[in-house]
């Protein structure tokens, strides 16, 4: 056997006999930094995913509401069940709050609340004006829109390290599909 064929094996054997501990010291310095970076990336990714879920929840609730001609209290209770189902395991119980409102622009160009229902919070006051939530050119005189607002408290899965909670909020606007305006019974 030639000398060049033995060199890789000799290097490996020499590496196993090296007891200086330099690699262990380097690992001891780098490991906590890598673990902290991994936890921060996982936490950021989880929070971003939950923000997208909050947006999807508001949109889904507005979409289901906009498909109806009129709504009963039972219909609203069923619509409010969408949120916790889409946000599971977060946004359960009192952590999930939602408001579904019908907004209509009057002949003076003022957007007013026609009806509003809240879940774990109070709805908007009927007749109150909406100024900044809906763009001014979104509606024309006599048109209406379903406006949904959702919020929930996001608690970190890594709760021992990050104990604070973040409130995720989102809203959605969808025009009624089957009628000029969705009414409440």
N, C-alpha and C. Protein backbone atom coordinates (compact mmCIF):
# COMPACT_ATOMS: atom_id res chain seq x y z
N UNK A 1 0.84 -1.16 0.00
CA UNK A 1 0.00 0.00 0.00
C UNK A 1 0.90 1.24 0.00
N UNK A 2 0.48 2.25 -0.73
CA UNK A 2 1.32 3.45 -0.83
C UNK A 2 1.10 4.37 0.36
N UNK A 3 1.99 5.30 0.54
CA UNK A 3 1.92 6.24 1.66
C UNK A 3 0.74 7.19 1.49
N UNK A 4 0.44 7.60 0.25
CA UNK A 4 -0.67 8.54 0.04
C UNK A 4 -2.01 7.93 0.40
N UNK A 5 -2.15 6.63 0.30
CA UNK A 5 -3.42 5.98 0.65
C UNK A 5 -3.61 5.93 2.16
N UNK A 6 -2.53 5.96 2.92
CA UNK A 6 -2.64 5.90 4.37
C UNK A 6 -2.87 7.27 5.01
N UNK A 7 -2.59 8.35 4.34
CA UNK A 7 -2.66 9.67 4.95
C UNK A 7 -4.04 10.04 5.46
N UNK A 8 -5.13 9.83 4.72
CA UNK A 8 -6.43 10.22 5.29
C UNK A 8 -6.75 9.46 6.58
N UNK A 9 -6.42 8.18 6.62
CA UNK A 9 -6.70 7.40 7.83
C UNK A 9 -5.81 7.83 8.99
N UNK A 10 -4.61 8.21 8.70
CA UNK A 10 -3.71 8.67 9.75
C UNK A 10 -4.23 9.99 10.33
N UNK A 11 -4.76 10.85 9.48
CA UNK A 11 -5.30 12.14 9.95
C UNK A 11 -6.51 11.91 10.85
N UNK A 12 -7.36 10.99 10.49
CA UNK A 12 -8.54 10.69 11.30
C UNK A 12 -8.13 10.12 12.65
N UNK A 13 -7.17 9.18 12.63
CA UNK A 13 -6.71 8.60 13.89
C UNK A 13 -6.07 9.66 14.78
N UNK A 14 -5.33 10.58 14.18
CA UNK A 14 -4.70 11.65 14.94
C UNK A 14 -5.77 12.57 15.55
N UNK A 15 -6.85 12.80 14.81
CA UNK A 15 -7.94 13.65 15.31
C UNK A 15 -8.61 13.06 16.53
N UNK A 16 -8.75 11.73 16.57
CA UNK A 16 -9.38 11.09 17.73
C UNK A 16 -8.46 11.14 18.95
N UNK A 17 -7.18 11.19 18.74
CA UNK A 17 -6.25 11.24 19.87
C UNK A 17 -6.05 12.64 20.39
N UNK A 18 -6.47 13.67 19.62
CA UNK A 18 -6.30 15.06 20.04
C UNK A 18 -7.25 15.35 21.20
N UNK A 19 -6.71 15.65 22.35
CA UNK A 19 -7.54 15.89 23.53
C UNK A 19 -7.44 17.33 24.02
N UNK A 20 -7.09 18.25 23.16
CA UNK A 20 -6.90 19.63 23.60
C UNK A 20 -8.22 20.32 23.94
N UNK A 21 -9.36 19.90 23.36
CA UNK A 21 -10.67 20.45 23.71
C UNK A 21 -11.01 21.76 23.03
N UNK A 22 -10.27 22.12 22.03
CA UNK A 22 -10.54 23.37 21.32
C UNK A 22 -11.91 23.38 20.66
N UNK A 23 -12.29 22.27 20.06
CA UNK A 23 -13.60 22.19 19.39
C UNK A 23 -14.73 22.30 20.41
N UNK A 24 -14.56 21.70 21.57
CA UNK A 24 -15.61 21.76 22.59
C UNK A 24 -15.78 23.19 23.11
N UNK A 25 -14.69 23.91 23.25
CA UNK A 25 -14.77 25.29 23.72
C UNK A 25 -15.46 26.16 22.66
N UNK A 26 -15.10 25.97 21.40
CA UNK A 26 -15.75 26.72 20.32
C UNK A 26 -17.25 26.40 20.29
N UNK A 27 -17.61 25.15 20.43
CA UNK A 27 -19.01 24.76 20.42
C UNK A 27 -19.75 25.39 21.61
N UNK A 28 -19.09 25.44 22.76
CA UNK A 28 -19.72 26.03 23.95
C UNK A 28 -20.01 27.52 23.75
N UNK A 29 -19.19 28.20 22.97
CA UNK A 29 -19.44 29.61 22.68
C UNK A 29 -20.52 29.79 21.61
N UNK A 30 -20.53 28.95 20.62
CA UNK A 30 -21.42 29.13 19.47
C UNK A 30 -22.81 28.53 19.71
N UNK A 31 -22.92 27.45 20.44
CA UNK A 31 -24.21 26.76 20.63
C UNK A 31 -25.30 27.67 21.21
N UNK A 32 -25.05 28.43 22.28
CA UNK A 32 -26.13 29.29 22.80
C UNK A 32 -26.60 30.34 21.77
N UNK A 33 -25.68 30.86 21.00
CA UNK A 33 -26.05 31.84 19.98
C UNK A 33 -26.92 31.18 18.91
N UNK A 34 -26.54 30.00 18.49
CA UNK A 34 -27.33 29.29 17.47
C UNK A 34 -28.71 28.89 18.00
N UNK A 35 -28.78 28.45 19.24
CA UNK A 35 -30.06 28.07 19.83
C UNK A 35 -30.96 29.29 19.97
N UNK A 36 -30.40 30.41 20.42
CA UNK A 36 -31.20 31.65 20.55
C UNK A 36 -31.68 32.11 19.17
N UNK A 37 -30.83 32.04 18.18
CA UNK A 37 -31.24 32.44 16.82
C UNK A 37 -32.35 31.53 16.30
N UNK A 38 -32.25 30.24 16.55
CA UNK A 38 -33.30 29.31 16.12
C UNK A 38 -34.62 29.62 16.80
N UNK A 39 -34.60 29.87 18.11
CA UNK A 39 -35.83 30.18 18.84
C UNK A 39 -36.45 31.49 18.35
N UNK A 40 -35.62 32.49 18.07
CA UNK A 40 -36.15 33.76 17.57
C UNK A 40 -36.76 33.59 16.18
N UNK A 41 -36.13 32.81 15.33
CA UNK A 41 -36.68 32.56 14.00
C UNK A 41 -38.00 31.78 14.09
N UNK A 42 -38.04 30.79 14.95
CA UNK A 42 -39.27 30.02 15.12
C UNK A 42 -40.39 30.91 15.67
N UNK A 43 -40.06 31.76 16.62
CA UNK A 43 -41.06 32.66 17.20
C UNK A 43 -41.55 33.68 16.18
N UNK A 44 -40.65 34.25 15.41
CA UNK A 44 -41.03 35.22 14.38
C UNK A 44 -41.89 34.55 13.31
N UNK A 45 -41.51 33.37 12.90
CA UNK A 45 -42.29 32.63 11.90
C UNK A 45 -43.68 32.30 12.40
N UNK A 46 -43.79 31.89 13.66
CA UNK A 46 -45.09 31.58 14.25
C UNK A 46 -45.97 32.81 14.35
N UNK A 47 -45.38 33.93 14.74
CA UNK A 47 -46.16 35.17 14.85
C UNK A 47 -46.63 35.65 13.48
N UNK A 48 -45.78 35.53 12.47
CA UNK A 48 -46.17 35.92 11.11
C UNK A 48 -47.30 35.03 10.59
N UNK A 49 -47.22 33.75 10.88
CA UNK A 49 -48.27 32.82 10.46
C UNK A 49 -49.60 33.17 11.15
N UNK A 50 -49.55 33.52 12.42
CA UNK A 50 -50.79 33.86 13.12
C UNK A 50 -51.35 35.19 12.63
N UNK A 51 -50.51 36.12 12.22
CA UNK A 51 -51.02 37.37 11.65
C UNK A 51 -51.76 37.09 10.34
N UNK A 52 -51.21 36.18 9.53
CA UNK A 52 -51.91 35.80 8.30
C UNK A 52 -53.23 35.11 8.61
N UNK A 53 -53.24 34.27 9.64
CA UNK A 53 -54.49 33.62 10.04
C UNK A 53 -55.52 34.63 10.50
N UNK A 54 -55.09 35.68 11.20
CA UNK A 54 -56.01 36.72 11.65
C UNK A 54 -56.64 37.42 10.44
N UNK A 55 -55.83 37.70 9.43
CA UNK A 55 -56.34 38.33 8.21
C UNK A 55 -57.31 37.41 7.49
N UNK A 56 -56.95 36.14 7.41
CA UNK A 56 -57.82 35.16 6.76
C UNK A 56 -59.14 35.00 7.52
N UNK A 57 -59.08 35.03 8.83
CA UNK A 57 -60.29 34.91 9.65
C UNK A 57 -61.24 36.08 9.42
N UNK A 58 -60.70 37.30 9.43
CA UNK A 58 -61.54 38.47 9.18
C UNK A 58 -62.17 38.40 7.80
N UNK A 59 -61.40 37.99 6.82
CA UNK A 59 -61.91 37.88 5.45
C UNK A 59 -62.98 36.80 5.34
N UNK A 60 -62.76 35.67 5.97
CA UNK A 60 -63.74 34.57 5.90
C UNK A 60 -65.05 34.97 6.58
N UNK A 61 -64.96 35.64 7.70
CA UNK A 61 -66.18 36.06 8.40
C UNK A 61 -66.95 37.09 7.57
N UNK A 62 -66.25 38.02 6.95
CA UNK A 62 -66.91 39.02 6.09
C UNK A 62 -67.51 38.35 4.86
N UNK A 63 -66.80 37.38 4.30
CA UNK A 63 -67.28 36.69 3.10
C UNK A 63 -68.57 35.92 3.38
N UNK A 64 -68.60 35.18 4.47
CA UNK A 64 -69.81 34.41 4.82
C UNK A 64 -70.97 35.36 5.09
N UNK A 65 -70.69 36.47 5.77
CA UNK A 65 -71.75 37.45 6.07
C UNK A 65 -72.27 38.07 4.78
N UNK A 66 -71.39 38.39 3.86
CA UNK A 66 -71.78 39.06 2.61
C UNK A 66 -72.59 38.15 1.68
N UNK A 67 -72.56 36.86 1.89
CA UNK A 67 -73.31 35.93 1.04
C UNK A 67 -74.78 35.86 1.43
N UNK A 68 -75.16 36.40 2.56
CA UNK A 68 -76.54 36.34 3.04
C UNK A 68 -77.32 37.58 2.61
N UNK A 69 -78.66 37.42 2.51
CA UNK A 69 -79.53 38.58 2.30
C UNK A 69 -79.88 39.22 3.63
N UNK A 70 -80.12 38.37 4.63
CA UNK A 70 -80.43 38.86 5.96
C UNK A 70 -79.88 37.86 6.97
N UNK A 71 -79.64 38.35 8.18
CA UNK A 71 -79.03 37.54 9.23
C UNK A 71 -79.87 37.54 10.49
N UNK A 72 -79.92 36.40 11.13
CA UNK A 72 -80.55 36.29 12.44
C UNK A 72 -79.45 36.22 13.50
N UNK A 73 -79.84 36.23 14.74
CA UNK A 73 -78.87 36.10 15.83
C UNK A 73 -78.17 34.75 15.75
N UNK A 74 -78.91 33.70 15.39
CA UNK A 74 -78.30 32.37 15.25
C UNK A 74 -77.26 32.37 14.13
N UNK A 75 -77.55 33.07 13.02
CA UNK A 75 -76.57 33.18 11.93
C UNK A 75 -75.30 33.86 12.42
N UNK A 76 -75.47 34.94 13.18
CA UNK A 76 -74.30 35.66 13.69
C UNK A 76 -73.48 34.80 14.65
N UNK A 77 -74.17 34.03 15.49
CA UNK A 77 -73.44 33.13 16.39
C UNK A 77 -72.62 32.11 15.62
N UNK A 78 -73.18 31.60 14.53
CA UNK A 78 -72.44 30.65 13.69
C UNK A 78 -71.27 31.33 13.00
N UNK A 79 -71.45 32.56 12.54
CA UNK A 79 -70.35 33.29 11.90
C UNK A 79 -69.23 33.53 12.90
N UNK A 80 -69.57 33.83 14.14
CA UNK A 80 -68.54 34.07 15.15
C UNK A 80 -67.78 32.79 15.52
N UNK A 81 -68.32 31.63 15.19
CA UNK A 81 -67.61 30.37 15.44
C UNK A 81 -66.49 30.14 14.43
N UNK A 82 -66.50 30.87 13.33
CA UNK A 82 -65.46 30.72 12.31
C UNK A 82 -64.10 31.07 12.88
N UNK A 83 -64.05 32.16 13.65
CA UNK A 83 -62.76 32.65 14.16
C UNK A 83 -61.98 31.62 14.96
N UNK A 84 -62.54 31.12 16.05
CA UNK A 84 -61.79 30.14 16.83
C UNK A 84 -61.42 28.88 16.04
N UNK A 85 -62.27 28.50 15.08
CA UNK A 85 -61.96 27.32 14.27
C UNK A 85 -60.74 27.56 13.39
N UNK A 86 -60.64 28.75 12.81
CA UNK A 86 -59.49 29.05 11.93
C UNK A 86 -58.22 29.38 12.71
N UNK A 87 -58.37 29.86 13.92
CA UNK A 87 -57.20 30.27 14.70
C UNK A 87 -56.67 29.20 15.65
N UNK A 88 -57.32 28.04 15.69
CA UNK A 88 -56.93 26.99 16.63
C UNK A 88 -55.44 26.70 16.52
N UNK A 89 -54.70 26.56 17.57
CA UNK A 89 -55.05 26.52 18.99
C UNK A 89 -55.07 27.90 19.66
N UNK A 90 -54.76 28.95 18.92
CA UNK A 90 -54.81 30.30 19.49
C UNK A 90 -56.22 30.87 19.30
N UNK A 91 -56.50 31.98 19.92
CA UNK A 91 -57.77 32.66 19.73
C UNK A 91 -58.98 31.88 20.22
N UNK A 92 -58.82 31.14 21.29
CA UNK A 92 -59.92 30.35 21.83
C UNK A 92 -60.55 31.08 23.01
N UNK A 93 -61.82 30.86 23.24
CA UNK A 93 -62.52 31.44 24.38
C UNK A 93 -62.56 32.95 24.31
N UNK A 94 -62.27 33.59 25.44
CA UNK A 94 -62.35 35.04 25.53
C UNK A 94 -61.20 35.73 24.80
N UNK A 95 -60.19 34.98 24.40
CA UNK A 95 -59.07 35.58 23.66
C UNK A 95 -59.49 36.09 22.29
N UNK A 96 -60.54 35.50 21.70
CA UNK A 96 -60.97 35.91 20.36
C UNK A 96 -62.09 36.94 20.46
N UNK A 97 -61.89 38.06 19.79
CA UNK A 97 -62.89 39.12 19.75
C UNK A 97 -63.16 39.50 18.30
N UNK A 98 -64.42 39.74 17.98
CA UNK A 98 -64.78 40.10 16.61
C UNK A 98 -65.97 41.04 16.60
N UNK A 99 -66.00 41.90 15.60
CA UNK A 99 -67.13 42.79 15.35
C UNK A 99 -67.45 42.70 13.87
N UNK A 100 -68.71 42.40 13.55
CA UNK A 100 -69.19 42.39 12.17
C UNK A 100 -70.21 43.51 12.04
N UNK A 101 -69.99 44.39 11.08
CA UNK A 101 -70.87 45.56 10.92
C UNK A 101 -71.26 45.73 9.46
N UNK A 102 -72.44 46.31 9.27
CA UNK A 102 -72.87 46.73 7.94
C UNK A 102 -72.74 48.25 7.89
N UNK A 103 -71.96 48.73 6.94
CA UNK A 103 -71.70 50.15 6.80
C UNK A 103 -72.35 50.61 5.49
N UNK A 104 -73.05 51.73 5.54
CA UNK A 104 -73.71 52.24 4.34
C UNK A 104 -73.40 53.73 4.20
N UNK A 105 -73.15 54.15 2.94
CA UNK A 105 -72.90 55.56 2.69
C UNK A 105 -74.22 56.25 2.38
N UNK A 106 -74.47 57.36 3.08
CA UNK A 106 -75.72 58.09 2.85
C UNK A 106 -75.57 59.05 1.67
N UNK A 107 -76.62 59.81 1.39
CA UNK A 107 -76.61 60.70 0.23
C UNK A 107 -75.66 61.88 0.39
N UNK A 108 -75.16 62.12 1.61
CA UNK A 108 -74.19 63.19 1.85
C UNK A 108 -72.75 62.69 1.80
N UNK A 109 -72.57 61.41 1.52
CA UNK A 109 -71.23 60.84 1.46
C UNK A 109 -70.66 60.42 2.80
N UNK A 110 -71.50 60.35 3.83
CA UNK A 110 -71.06 59.96 5.17
C UNK A 110 -71.34 58.47 5.35
N UNK A 111 -70.32 57.72 5.79
CA UNK A 111 -70.47 56.29 6.03
C UNK A 111 -70.93 56.07 7.46
N UNK A 112 -72.07 55.37 7.60
CA UNK A 112 -72.66 55.15 8.91
C UNK A 112 -72.92 53.67 9.15
N UNK A 113 -72.89 53.29 10.42
CA UNK A 113 -73.15 51.91 10.82
C UNK A 113 -74.65 51.67 10.78
N UNK A 114 -75.08 50.66 10.00
CA UNK A 114 -76.49 50.29 9.92
C UNK A 114 -76.82 49.29 11.03
N UNK A 115 -75.98 48.28 11.20
CA UNK A 115 -76.09 47.33 12.30
C UNK A 115 -74.71 46.80 12.61
N UNK A 116 -74.53 46.30 13.81
CA UNK A 116 -73.22 45.79 14.23
C UNK A 116 -73.42 44.76 15.34
N UNK A 117 -72.66 43.69 15.28
CA UNK A 117 -72.70 42.65 16.32
C UNK A 117 -71.28 42.37 16.78
N UNK A 118 -71.12 42.15 18.07
CA UNK A 118 -69.81 41.86 18.63
C UNK A 118 -69.77 40.52 19.31
N UNK A 119 -68.60 39.92 19.33
CA UNK A 119 -68.36 38.64 20.01
C UNK A 119 -67.21 38.87 20.99
N UNK A 120 -67.49 38.70 22.29
CA UNK A 120 -66.54 38.98 23.37
C UNK A 120 -66.13 40.44 23.41
N UNK A 121 -66.90 41.30 22.77
CA UNK A 121 -66.71 42.75 22.79
C UNK A 121 -68.02 43.37 22.33
N UNK A 122 -68.13 44.66 22.46
CA UNK A 122 -69.35 45.31 22.00
C UNK A 122 -69.20 45.70 20.53
N UNK A 123 -70.32 45.66 19.82
CA UNK A 123 -70.32 46.08 18.43
C UNK A 123 -70.26 47.60 18.34
N UNK A 124 -70.16 48.08 17.13
CA UNK A 124 -70.17 49.53 16.91
C UNK A 124 -71.57 50.08 17.17
N UNK A 125 -71.64 51.33 17.51
CA UNK A 125 -72.92 51.99 17.78
C UNK A 125 -73.64 52.24 16.46
N UNK A 126 -74.91 51.83 16.41
CA UNK A 126 -75.72 52.05 15.21
C UNK A 126 -75.86 53.55 14.97
N UNK A 127 -75.61 53.97 13.74
CA UNK A 127 -75.69 55.38 13.38
C UNK A 127 -74.38 56.13 13.51
N UNK A 128 -73.38 55.50 14.14
CA UNK A 128 -72.09 56.18 14.26
C UNK A 128 -71.42 56.25 12.90
N UNK A 129 -70.55 57.22 12.74
CA UNK A 129 -69.87 57.41 11.45
C UNK A 129 -68.54 56.68 11.44
N UNK A 130 -68.18 56.28 10.26
CA UNK A 130 -66.90 55.61 10.03
C UNK A 130 -66.05 56.59 9.22
N UNK A 131 -64.88 56.93 9.71
CA UNK A 131 -64.08 57.93 9.02
C UNK A 131 -62.79 57.39 8.43
N UNK A 132 -62.01 56.69 9.21
CA UNK A 132 -60.69 56.31 8.71
C UNK A 132 -60.55 54.84 8.34
N UNK A 133 -61.47 53.98 8.75
CA UNK A 133 -61.33 52.55 8.50
C UNK A 133 -61.59 52.17 7.05
N UNK A 134 -62.50 52.87 6.40
CA UNK A 134 -62.87 52.55 5.02
C UNK A 134 -62.46 53.73 4.13
N UNK A 135 -61.74 53.47 3.05
CA UNK A 135 -61.33 54.56 2.17
C UNK A 135 -62.53 55.37 1.66
N UNK A 136 -62.34 56.66 1.49
CA UNK A 136 -63.44 57.55 1.11
C UNK A 136 -64.07 57.19 -0.22
N UNK A 137 -63.31 56.70 -1.16
CA UNK A 137 -63.85 56.40 -2.50
C UNK A 137 -64.29 54.94 -2.65
N UNK A 138 -64.35 54.20 -1.55
CA UNK A 138 -64.71 52.78 -1.63
C UNK A 138 -66.20 52.58 -1.91
N UNK A 139 -67.05 53.44 -1.33
CA UNK A 139 -68.50 53.32 -1.51
C UNK A 139 -69.05 54.54 -2.24
N UNK A 140 -70.18 54.32 -2.91
CA UNK A 140 -70.94 55.41 -3.51
C UNK A 140 -72.22 55.57 -2.70
N UNK A 141 -72.91 56.65 -2.91
CA UNK A 141 -74.14 56.92 -2.18
C UNK A 141 -75.12 55.75 -2.29
N UNK A 142 -75.60 55.26 -1.14
CA UNK A 142 -76.56 54.17 -1.09
C UNK A 142 -75.95 52.79 -1.07
N UNK A 143 -74.64 52.65 -1.29
CA UNK A 143 -73.99 51.33 -1.27
C UNK A 143 -73.61 50.96 0.16
N UNK A 144 -73.49 49.67 0.37
CA UNK A 144 -73.10 49.20 1.70
C UNK A 144 -71.94 48.21 1.58
N UNK A 145 -71.33 47.95 2.71
CA UNK A 145 -70.21 47.02 2.79
C UNK A 145 -70.27 46.32 4.14
N UNK A 146 -69.84 45.07 4.16
CA UNK A 146 -69.69 44.33 5.42
C UNK A 146 -68.26 44.58 5.89
N UNK A 147 -68.14 45.08 7.10
CA UNK A 147 -66.83 45.41 7.67
C UNK A 147 -66.61 44.54 8.90
N UNK A 148 -65.58 43.73 8.87
CA UNK A 148 -65.30 42.80 9.96
C UNK A 148 -63.97 43.15 10.62
N UNK A 149 -63.98 43.17 11.93
CA UNK A 149 -62.76 43.44 12.71
C UNK A 149 -62.53 42.26 13.65
N UNK A 150 -61.34 41.72 13.63
CA UNK A 150 -61.02 40.61 14.53
C UNK A 150 -59.76 40.94 15.32
N UNK A 151 -59.68 40.39 16.51
CA UNK A 151 -58.46 40.49 17.31
C UNK A 151 -58.40 39.30 18.26
N UNK A 152 -57.20 38.90 18.57
CA UNK A 152 -57.00 37.84 19.55
C UNK A 152 -55.63 38.00 20.16
N UNK A 153 -55.46 37.43 21.34
CA UNK A 153 -54.19 37.50 22.06
C UNK A 153 -53.33 36.31 21.66
N UNK A 154 -52.19 36.61 21.06
CA UNK A 154 -51.25 35.57 20.64
C UNK A 154 -50.26 35.35 21.77
N UNK A 155 -50.22 34.11 22.24
CA UNK A 155 -49.27 33.74 23.28
C UNK A 155 -48.22 32.83 22.66
N UNK A 156 -47.00 33.12 22.95
CA UNK A 156 -45.88 32.38 22.37
C UNK A 156 -45.89 30.92 22.79
N UNK A 157 -45.63 30.00 21.84
CA UNK A 157 -45.47 28.60 22.23
C UNK A 157 -44.23 28.39 23.09
N UNK A 158 -43.28 29.31 22.98
CA UNK A 158 -42.07 29.25 23.80
C UNK A 158 -42.32 30.16 25.01
N UNK A 159 -43.38 29.87 25.73
CA UNK A 159 -43.88 30.74 26.77
C UNK A 159 -42.94 30.99 27.93
N UNK A 160 -42.04 30.09 28.18
CA UNK A 160 -41.12 30.29 29.29
C UNK A 160 -40.09 31.37 28.98
N UNK A 161 -39.77 31.53 27.71
CA UNK A 161 -38.79 32.55 27.33
C UNK A 161 -39.45 33.88 27.02
N UNK A 162 -40.58 33.85 26.33
CA UNK A 162 -41.27 35.06 25.91
C UNK A 162 -42.65 35.07 26.57
N UNK A 163 -42.76 35.71 27.71
CA UNK A 163 -43.99 35.63 28.49
C UNK A 163 -45.05 36.62 28.06
N UNK A 164 -44.70 37.66 27.35
CA UNK A 164 -45.69 38.66 26.98
C UNK A 164 -46.56 38.15 25.84
N UNK A 165 -47.78 38.70 25.77
CA UNK A 165 -48.67 38.32 24.68
C UNK A 165 -48.80 39.50 23.74
N UNK A 166 -49.11 39.20 22.49
CA UNK A 166 -49.26 40.21 21.46
C UNK A 166 -50.69 40.13 20.94
N UNK A 167 -51.34 41.26 20.80
CA UNK A 167 -52.69 41.27 20.26
C UNK A 167 -52.61 41.39 18.75
N UNK A 168 -53.11 40.37 18.06
CA UNK A 168 -53.14 40.35 16.60
C UNK A 168 -54.50 40.90 16.17
N UNK A 169 -54.50 41.89 15.29
CA UNK A 169 -55.74 42.47 14.80
C UNK A 169 -55.77 42.46 13.29
N UNK A 170 -56.95 42.41 12.75
CA UNK A 170 -57.12 42.48 11.31
C UNK A 170 -58.55 42.90 11.00
N UNK A 171 -58.77 43.36 9.78
CA UNK A 171 -60.12 43.70 9.36
C UNK A 171 -60.27 43.38 7.88
N UNK A 172 -61.53 43.31 7.46
CA UNK A 172 -61.82 43.01 6.06
C UNK A 172 -63.10 43.71 5.66
N UNK A 173 -63.17 44.08 4.39
CA UNK A 173 -64.37 44.72 3.83
C UNK A 173 -64.79 43.94 2.60
N UNK A 174 -66.04 43.55 2.55
CA UNK A 174 -66.57 42.84 1.38
C UNK A 174 -67.96 43.38 1.09
N UNK A 175 -68.23 43.63 -0.17
CA UNK A 175 -69.55 44.10 -0.57
C UNK A 175 -70.55 42.94 -0.52
N UNK A 176 -71.80 43.22 -0.18
CA UNK A 176 -72.82 42.18 -0.20
C UNK A 176 -72.95 41.57 -1.59
N UNK A 177 -73.19 40.27 -1.65
CA UNK A 177 -73.23 39.58 -2.95
C UNK A 177 -74.62 39.41 -3.51
N UNK A 178 -75.59 39.08 -2.66
CA UNK A 178 -76.92 38.71 -3.15
C UNK A 178 -77.96 39.81 -2.99
N UNK A 179 -77.59 40.91 -2.37
CA UNK A 179 -78.53 42.01 -2.16
C UNK A 179 -77.71 43.30 -2.08
N UNK A 180 -78.38 44.42 -2.18
CA UNK A 180 -77.69 45.70 -2.07
C UNK A 180 -77.16 45.92 -0.65
N UNK A 181 -77.84 45.27 0.30
CA UNK A 181 -77.47 45.45 1.71
C UNK A 181 -77.87 44.20 2.48
N UNK A 182 -77.02 43.74 3.39
CA UNK A 182 -77.34 42.62 4.27
C UNK A 182 -78.07 43.20 5.47
N UNK A 183 -79.25 42.67 5.74
CA UNK A 183 -80.06 43.19 6.84
C UNK A 183 -80.00 42.24 8.03
N UNK A 184 -80.36 42.77 9.21
CA UNK A 184 -80.43 41.95 10.44
C UNK A 184 -81.87 41.80 10.85
N UNK A 185 -82.24 40.60 11.28
CA UNK A 185 -83.60 40.33 11.80
C UNK A 185 -83.55 40.22 13.29
